Amino acid sequence: VSNVDRAPLNDIGEVIRTALKKNEKIEIVYNDVDGGQSQRVIHPLNLFKYKNSYYVTAFCELRNDIRHFEIKRISNIPTDMPPLLFLCFSFSPFLFYDPTYG
């Protein structure tokens, strides 16, 4: 069990943590660095803390790629959606680790 598994997160972080444990994908509204917003469906794969911020590593259906999303930039997770089925594939966070990140 990692420190992130026990760390207190905001409501959005808790929804992501639950989706990760239940292998469910979720719909999010993400705010980019330039202030733009995009609606995405993500498949959470890993939750981690880096430089005092929490991130979720997820497969993003919009970009068809593995991406890192800063949790504080996720402004909304619709709660009126039925659970979405998870995209199944083997994942190791170390496959996407970049020591130069940040």
Protein backbone atom coordinates (compact mmCIF):
# COMPACT_ATOMS: atom_id res chain seq x y z
CA VAL A 1 0.00 0.00 0.00
CA SER A 2 1.52 3.30 -1.06
CA ASN A 3 1.32 6.60 0.82
CA VAL A 4 -1.14 7.87 -1.80
CA ASP A 5 -3.52 5.00 -0.93
CA ARG A 6 -3.82 6.45 2.56
CA ALA A 7 -3.39 10.15 1.80
CA PRO A 8 -6.41 12.42 2.26
CA LEU A 9 -7.51 13.72 -1.14
CA ASN A 10 -10.19 16.19 -2.22
CA ASP A 11 -13.56 14.87 -3.45
CA ILE A 12 -12.31 14.51 -7.03
CA GLY A 13 -9.24 12.62 -5.84
CA GLU A 14 -11.47 10.26 -3.86
CA VAL A 15 -13.65 9.57 -6.94
CA ILE A 16 -10.49 8.80 -8.92
CA ARG A 17 -9.13 6.55 -6.14
CA THR A 18 -12.45 4.65 -6.04
CA ALA A 19 -12.50 4.27 -9.85
CA LEU A 20 -8.95 2.97 -9.72
CA LYS A 21 -9.85 0.36 -7.09
CA LYS A 22 -13.00 -0.71 -8.97
CA ASN A 23 -11.31 -0.70 -12.40
CA GLU A 24 -13.80 1.82 -13.77
CA LYS A 25 -13.21 4.58 -16.29
CA ILE A 26 -14.52 8.07 -15.56
CA GLU A 27 -15.43 11.25 -17.39
CA ILE A 28 -13.60 14.41 -16.32
CA VAL A 29 -13.40 18.09 -17.23
CA TYR A 30 -9.72 19.03 -17.34
CA ASN A 31 -8.27 22.55 -17.23
CA ASP A 32 -5.04 22.92 -19.20
CA VAL A 33 -2.19 25.31 -18.40
CA ASP A 34 -3.52 27.93 -20.83
CA GLY A 35 -6.95 28.03 -19.18
CA GLY A 36 -8.75 25.89 -21.76
CA GLN A 37 -11.06 23.07 -20.75
CA SER A 38 -11.58 19.67 -22.31
CA GLN A 39 -13.97 16.87 -21.51
CA ARG A 40 -12.24 13.49 -21.41
CA VAL A 41 -12.91 9.89 -20.55
CA ILE A 42 -9.97 8.41 -18.68
CA HIS A 43 -9.04 4.95 -17.42
CA PRO A 44 -7.16 5.57 -14.13
CA LEU A 45 -4.05 3.41 -13.81
CA ASN A 46 -2.01 4.94 -11.00
CA LEU A 47 -2.23 7.71 -8.41
CA PHE A 48 0.97 9.44 -7.29
CA LYS A 49 2.34 12.50 -5.56
CA TYR A 50 5.08 14.61 -7.15
CA LYS A 51 6.41 17.89 -5.73
CA ASN A 52 3.43 18.36 -3.36
CA SER A 53 0.79 17.78 -6.05
CA TYR A 54 -1.28 14.68 -6.74
CA TYR A 55 -1.54 13.20 -10.22
CA VAL A 56 -3.40 10.36 -11.89
CA THR A 57 -1.78 8.37 -14.66
CA ALA A 58 -4.54 7.29 -17.00
CA PHE A 59 -5.31 6.14 -20.50
CA CYS A 60 -7.05 9.10 -22.17
CA GLU A 61 -9.62 8.18 -24.82
CA LEU A 62 -9.45 11.67 -26.38
CA ARG A 63 -5.70 11.46 -27.02
CA ASN A 64 -5.62 7.64 -27.31
CA ASP A 65 -2.53 7.65 -25.10
CA ILE A 66 -1.33 7.35 -21.52
CA ARG A 67 -1.34 10.80 -19.85
CA HIS A 68 -0.66 12.32 -16.43
CA PHE A 69 -3.42 14.57 -15.07
CA GLU A 70 -2.85 16.91 -12.14
CA ILE A 71 -5.81 16.34 -9.82
CA LYS A 72 -6.15 20.02 -8.87
CA ARG A 73 -6.75 20.81 -12.57
CA ILE A 74 -9.73 18.45 -12.78
CA SER A 75 -12.72 20.71 -12.22
CA ASN A 76 -15.58 18.27 -12.55
CA ILE A 77 -16.48 14.60 -12.61
CA PRO A 78 -20.12 14.10 -13.60
CA THR A 79 -21.82 11.97 -10.95
CA ASP A 80 -24.99 11.19 -12.88
CA MET A 81 -23.27 8.76 -15.24
CA PRO A 82 -23.57 4.98 -14.93
CA PRO A 83 -20.27 3.21 -14.19
CA LEU A 84 -18.19 2.83 -17.33
CA LEU A 85 -16.35 -0.39 -18.08
CA PHE A 86 -12.60 -0.30 -17.76
CA LEU A 87 -10.20 -0.85 -20.63
CA CYS A 88 -8.27 -3.97 -19.64
CA PHE A 89 -4.55 -4.20 -20.29
CA SER A 90 -1.46 -4.83 -18.25
CA PHE A 91 0.11 -1.70 -16.78
CA SER A 92 3.24 -0.85 -14.89
CA PRO A 93 3.76 2.82 -13.95
CA PHE A 94 7.48 2.34 -14.49
CA LEU A 95 6.90 1.92 -18.22
CA PHE A 96 5.96 5.60 -18.37
CA TYR A 97 8.33 7.00 -15.76
CA ASP A 98 10.43 9.85 -17.07
CA PRO A 99 13.11 11.01 -14.60
CA THR A 100 13.24 14.40 -16.33
CA TYR A 101 9.50 15.05 -15.71
CA GLY A 102 8.82 18.24 -13.78
